[in-house]
Amino acid sequence: MKRGLKLVIGAAVAAALLVTGGTWLYINVIRDDPPDRLALTDAAAPATGTPDPTATGSDDGDVAGTWAVTSGSQAGYRVGEILFGQNAVAVGRTEDVTGQIAIAGTTVTSGSFTVDMTTVASDESRRDGQFRGRIMDVATYPTSTFALTRPIELASVPADGVEVDVRATGRLTLRGTTRDITVDLTAQRSGGTLRILGTIPIVFDEWGIPNPSGGPAATEDEGELEFLLVFART
């Protein structure tokens, strides 16, 4: 009996080591690294057929008018997870982002953007299935939105290529829940585009989002909403 018990325990330990070792090998060797955080330099020039203000004289410092989200924009999530004791990062993104801002002088008078949650995708199809179903229920809540509730005042129009930090106050809607938030943004005027980068911490319970943990993967109780918005004058 003792010998049999030892064999059972030994087999269990070996299986655990195999699973843990295999998970480490998958996460650290086989699996691709998660995408880097979004950066202003990730934005490409507007594609053919989208508004291109480079011919409108926007480089002279006059940014007044209406600007629409164009190609190069992205939004998505970043969440830390633990898989069989191994730390990993889950990232999902989409380029299906729409929106616009209005500027008068050096004041952003209004602005909003909408993310198509049905097209957010990661490098794992099973994770995407959970995200679109149980977690975000995109059939019921297909979009997420942010809208300014207070103008953003700038001291002056920044020179081309110069990054400026601003703070935006508005309402964010996720999975049908709307809350007032304030988010720090980094903005840049680059040629004929305006680029805005931001990260919003998301505590799942505050937005009625079920914890993404499932199966062998456990996640933290919060994540981040990342976005890079590229605007062209309309």
Protein backbone atom coordinates (compact mmCIF):
# COMPACT_ATOMS: atom_id res chain seq x y z
CA MET A 1 0.00 0.00 0.00
CA LYS A 2 2.77 2.41 0.89
CA ARG A 3 4.54 1.68 -2.39
CA GLY A 4 1.32 2.22 -4.31
CA LEU A 5 0.67 5.49 -2.51
CA LYS A 6 4.18 6.68 -3.31
CA LEU A 7 3.62 5.84 -6.99
CA VAL A 8 0.36 7.79 -7.04
CA ILE A 9 1.93 10.79 -5.33
CA GLY A 10 4.96 10.61 -7.60
CA ALA A 11 2.77 10.48 -10.68
CA ALA A 12 0.76 13.48 -9.46
CA VAL A 13 3.92 15.49 -8.80
CA ALA A 14 5.34 14.55 -12.19
CA ALA A 15 2.10 15.58 -13.89
CA ALA A 16 2.12 18.92 -12.06
CA LEU A 17 5.71 19.54 -13.05
CA LEU A 18 4.92 18.60 -16.64
CA VAL A 19 1.96 20.98 -16.75
CA THR A 20 3.87 23.82 -15.10
CA GLY A 21 6.95 23.27 -17.21
CA GLY A 22 4.91 22.99 -20.38
CA THR A 23 3.05 26.20 -19.51
CA TRP A 24 6.33 28.01 -18.86
CA LEU A 25 7.68 26.75 -22.19
CA TYR A 26 4.53 27.89 -24.01
CA ILE A 27 4.41 31.34 -22.41
CA ASN A 28 8.14 32.12 -22.51
CA VAL A 29 9.33 30.30 -25.62
CA ILE A 30 6.55 29.25 -27.99
CA ARG A 31 3.94 31.95 -27.54
CA ASP A 32 4.59 35.35 -29.12
CA ASP A 33 5.18 38.26 -26.76
CA PRO A 34 2.09 40.40 -26.14
CA PRO A 35 1.90 43.59 -28.22
CA ASP A 36 3.69 46.59 -26.77
CA ARG A 37 1.61 49.35 -25.30
CA LEU A 38 0.16 51.67 -27.89
CA ALA A 39 2.31 54.66 -28.78
CA LEU A 40 1.81 57.81 -30.83
CA THR A 41 4.35 56.48 -33.31
CA ASP A 42 2.06 53.51 -34.06
CA ALA A 43 -0.22 55.77 -36.08
CA ALA A 44 0.20 55.63 -39.83
CA ALA A 45 -0.71 58.38 -42.27
CA PRO A 46 -4.37 58.39 -43.37
CA ALA A 47 -5.09 55.83 -46.05
CA THR A 48 -6.25 56.79 -49.52
CA GLY A 49 -9.86 57.88 -49.47
CA THR A 50 -9.84 59.19 -45.89
CA PRO A 51 -9.73 62.88 -45.02
CA ASP A 52 -6.23 64.25 -45.49
CA PRO A 53 -5.85 67.79 -44.17
CA THR A 54 -2.26 68.27 -45.28
CA ALA A 55 -3.50 70.36 -48.17
CA THR A 56 -5.68 72.60 -45.97
CA GLY A 57 -2.91 74.52 -44.25
CA SER A 58 -3.31 72.81 -40.86
CA ASP A 59 0.47 72.98 -40.35
CA ASP A 60 0.27 76.74 -39.80
CA GLY A 61 -1.07 76.21 -36.29
CA ASP A 62 -4.75 76.70 -37.10
CA VAL A 63 -6.52 73.58 -35.82
CA ALA A 64 -10.01 75.05 -35.49
CA GLY A 65 -12.79 72.97 -36.99
CA THR A 66 -14.10 69.43 -36.87
CA TRP A 67 -11.80 66.43 -36.93
CA ALA A 68 -12.87 62.81 -37.51
CA VAL A 69 -11.25 59.57 -36.40
CA THR A 70 -9.44 58.03 -39.33
CA SER A 71 -7.20 55.08 -40.20
CA GLY A 72 -4.40 54.19 -37.82
CA SER A 73 -6.70 54.36 -34.80
CA GLN A 74 -6.86 51.41 -32.39
CA ALA A 75 -8.50 50.52 -29.10
CA GLY A 76 -8.59 47.47 -26.87
CA TYR A 77 -7.79 45.90 -23.54
CA ARG A 78 -4.70 44.80 -21.59
CA VAL A 79 -5.15 42.42 -18.64
CA GLY A 80 -2.63 40.54 -16.53
CA GLU A 81 -3.32 36.82 -16.13
CA ILE A 82 -1.82 33.81 -14.40
CA LEU A 83 -1.78 30.47 -16.18
CA PHE A 84 -0.68 27.53 -13.97
CA GLY A 85 1.40 29.91 -11.88
CA GLN A 86 2.99 31.65 -14.86
CA ASN A 87 2.47 35.39 -15.38
CA ALA A 88 1.24 36.50 -18.79
CA VAL A 89 -0.50 39.48 -20.38
CA ALA A 90 -3.67 39.23 -22.47
CA VAL A 91 -4.13 41.92 -25.13
CA GLY A 92 -7.04 42.37 -27.52
CA ARG A 93 -7.52 45.18 -30.02
CA THR A 94 -9.60 46.47 -32.89
CA GLU A 95 -9.16 49.16 -35.52
CA ASP A 96 -12.93 49.66 -35.79
CA VAL A 97 -13.05 53.02 -34.02
CA THR A 98 -15.14 56.05 -34.98
CA GLY A 99 -15.59 59.51 -33.53
CA GLN A 100 -14.85 63.19 -33.85
CA ILE A 101 -13.73 66.30 -31.99
CA ALA A 102 -14.52 69.97 -32.47
CA ILE A 103 -11.93 72.68 -31.80
CA ALA A 104 -12.46 76.42 -31.48
CA GLY A 105 -9.25 78.41 -31.10
CA THR A 106 -7.28 76.50 -28.49
CA THR A 107 -10.30 74.77 -26.90
CA VAL A 108 -11.57 71.29 -27.63
CA THR A 109 -15.26 72.09 -27.25
CA SER A 110 -16.64 68.57 -27.76
CA GLY A 111 -15.47 65.11 -28.60
CA SER A 112 -16.38 61.45 -28.52
CA PHE A 113 -15.30 58.10 -29.86
CA THR A 114 -16.94 54.69 -30.22
CA VAL A 115 -15.28 51.26 -30.28
CA ASP A 116 -16.83 48.26 -32.04
CA MET A 117 -16.47 45.60 -29.33
CA THR A 118 -17.60 42.81 -31.66
CA THR A 119 -14.30 42.97 -33.56
CA VAL A 120 -11.87 43.12 -30.62
CA ALA A 121 -9.49 40.18 -31.07
CA SER A 122 -6.43 38.73 -29.32
CA ASP A 123 -4.02 35.94 -30.22
CA GLU A 124 -6.29 33.29 -28.65
CA SER A 125 -9.62 32.33 -30.23
CA ARG A 126 -10.89 30.76 -26.98
CA ARG A 127 -10.17 33.98 -25.10
CA ASP A 128 -12.00 35.93 -27.81
CA GLY A 129 -15.02 33.68 -27.46
CA GLN A 130 -15.15 34.33 -23.72
CA PHE A 131 -14.63 38.06 -24.25
CA ARG A 132 -17.46 38.38 -26.77
CA GLY A 133 -19.79 36.14 -24.82
CA ARG A 134 -19.74 35.84 -21.04
CA ILE A 135 -17.41 38.76 -20.31
CA MET A 136 -18.53 41.66 -22.53
CA ASP A 137 -21.74 40.20 -24.03
CA VAL A 138 -21.20 42.03 -27.30
CA ALA A 139 -24.48 40.72 -28.71
CA THR A 140 -26.25 42.95 -26.18
CA TYR A 141 -23.60 45.67 -25.85
CA PRO A 142 -21.83 45.86 -29.24
CA THR A 143 -20.10 49.20 -28.64
CA SER A 144 -18.25 51.15 -25.97
CA THR A 145 -18.17 54.95 -26.01
CA PHE A 146 -16.47 57.90 -24.41
CA ALA A 147 -17.81 61.46 -24.67
CA LEU A 148 -16.39 64.67 -23.24
CA THR A 149 -18.52 66.46 -20.68
CA ARG A 150 -16.14 69.36 -20.19
CA PRO A 151 -14.07 71.33 -22.73
CA ILE A 152 -10.32 70.82 -22.82
CA GLU A 153 -8.44 74.11 -22.61
CA LEU A 154 -5.00 74.34 -24.21
CA ALA A 155 -2.58 77.16 -23.44
CA SER A 156 -1.63 77.26 -27.11
CA VAL A 157 -1.59 75.10 -30.21
CA PRO A 158 1.47 72.85 -29.85
CA ALA A 159 4.14 72.96 -32.52
CA ASP A 160 4.14 70.15 -35.05
CA GLY A 161 5.55 66.95 -33.56
CA VAL A 162 5.48 68.19 -29.95
CA GLU A 163 3.69 65.98 -27.42
CA VAL A 164 1.46 67.61 -24.82
CA ASP A 165 -0.27 66.10 -21.79
CA VAL A 166 -3.90 67.01 -21.19
CA ARG A 167 -6.69 65.79 -18.93
CA ALA A 168 -10.13 64.89 -20.26
CA THR A 169 -13.34 64.58 -18.27
CA GLY A 170 -16.25 62.67 -19.73
CA ARG A 171 -18.58 59.69 -19.61
CA LEU A 172 -17.39 56.19 -20.46
CA THR A 173 -19.87 53.44 -21.29
CA LEU A 174 -18.77 49.80 -21.05
CA ARG A 175 -21.08 46.78 -21.17
CA GLY A 176 -24.08 49.05 -20.69
CA THR A 177 -22.70 50.83 -17.62
CA THR A 178 -21.94 54.56 -17.83
CA ARG A 179 -19.65 56.34 -15.37
CA ASP A 180 -18.03 59.76 -15.16
CA ILE A 181 -14.25 59.53 -15.43
CA THR A 182 -11.18 61.69 -15.86
CA VAL A 183 -8.37 60.38 -18.04
CA ASP A 184 -4.86 61.62 -18.76
CA LEU A 185 -4.09 61.93 -22.46
CA THR A 186 -1.03 62.56 -24.57
CA ALA A 187 -1.72 64.53 -27.75
CA GLN A 188 0.40 65.40 -30.76
CA ARG A 189 -0.10 67.41 -33.92
CA SER A 190 1.72 65.58 -36.68
CA GLY A 191 1.51 67.03 -40.17
CA GLY A 192 -2.13 66.82 -41.15
CA THR A 193 -3.26 64.69 -38.23
CA LEU A 194 -4.03 65.03 -34.54
CA ARG A 195 -3.09 62.00 -32.46
CA ILE A 196 -4.40 61.22 -28.99
CA LEU A 197 -3.17 58.41 -26.76
CA GLY A 198 -4.76 57.27 -23.52
CA THR A 199 -5.12 54.44 -21.00
CA ILE A 200 -8.10 54.04 -18.67
CA PRO A 201 -7.86 51.68 -15.65
CA ILE A 202 -10.93 49.44 -15.49
CA VAL A 203 -11.99 47.73 -12.25
CA PHE A 204 -14.32 45.02 -13.53
CA ASP A 205 -16.86 45.15 -10.68
CA GLU A 206 -17.39 48.88 -11.18
CA TRP A 207 -18.59 48.27 -14.73
CA GLY A 208 -20.58 45.10 -14.16
CA ILE A 209 -17.99 43.08 -16.07
CA PRO A 210 -17.61 39.45 -14.91
CA ASN A 211 -14.08 38.56 -13.87
CA PRO A 212 -12.42 37.08 -16.97
CA SER A 213 -10.91 34.20 -14.97
CA GLY A 214 -11.84 30.81 -16.35
CA GLY A 215 -10.38 27.32 -16.56
CA PRO A 216 -6.63 27.32 -15.82
CA ALA A 217 -6.32 31.08 -16.37
CA ALA A 218 -6.85 33.52 -13.50
CA THR A 219 -6.88 37.25 -14.09
CA GLU A 220 -6.56 40.30 -11.89
CA ASP A 221 -9.73 42.12 -10.85
CA GLU A 222 -8.87 45.04 -13.09
CA GLY A 223 -7.43 45.76 -16.52
CA GLU A 224 -6.82 48.66 -18.86
CA LEU A 225 -8.61 50.18 -21.82
CA GLU A 226 -5.98 51.42 -24.29
CA PHE A 227 -6.69 53.68 -27.23
CA LEU A 228 -4.84 55.55 -29.94
CA LEU A 229 -6.99 57.98 -31.91
CA VAL A 230 -5.85 59.54 -35.16
CA PHE A 231 -7.94 62.50 -36.33
CA ALA A 232 -8.06 64.15 -39.74
CA ARG A 233 -9.84 67.42 -40.49
CA THR A 234 -13.21 66.98 -42.17
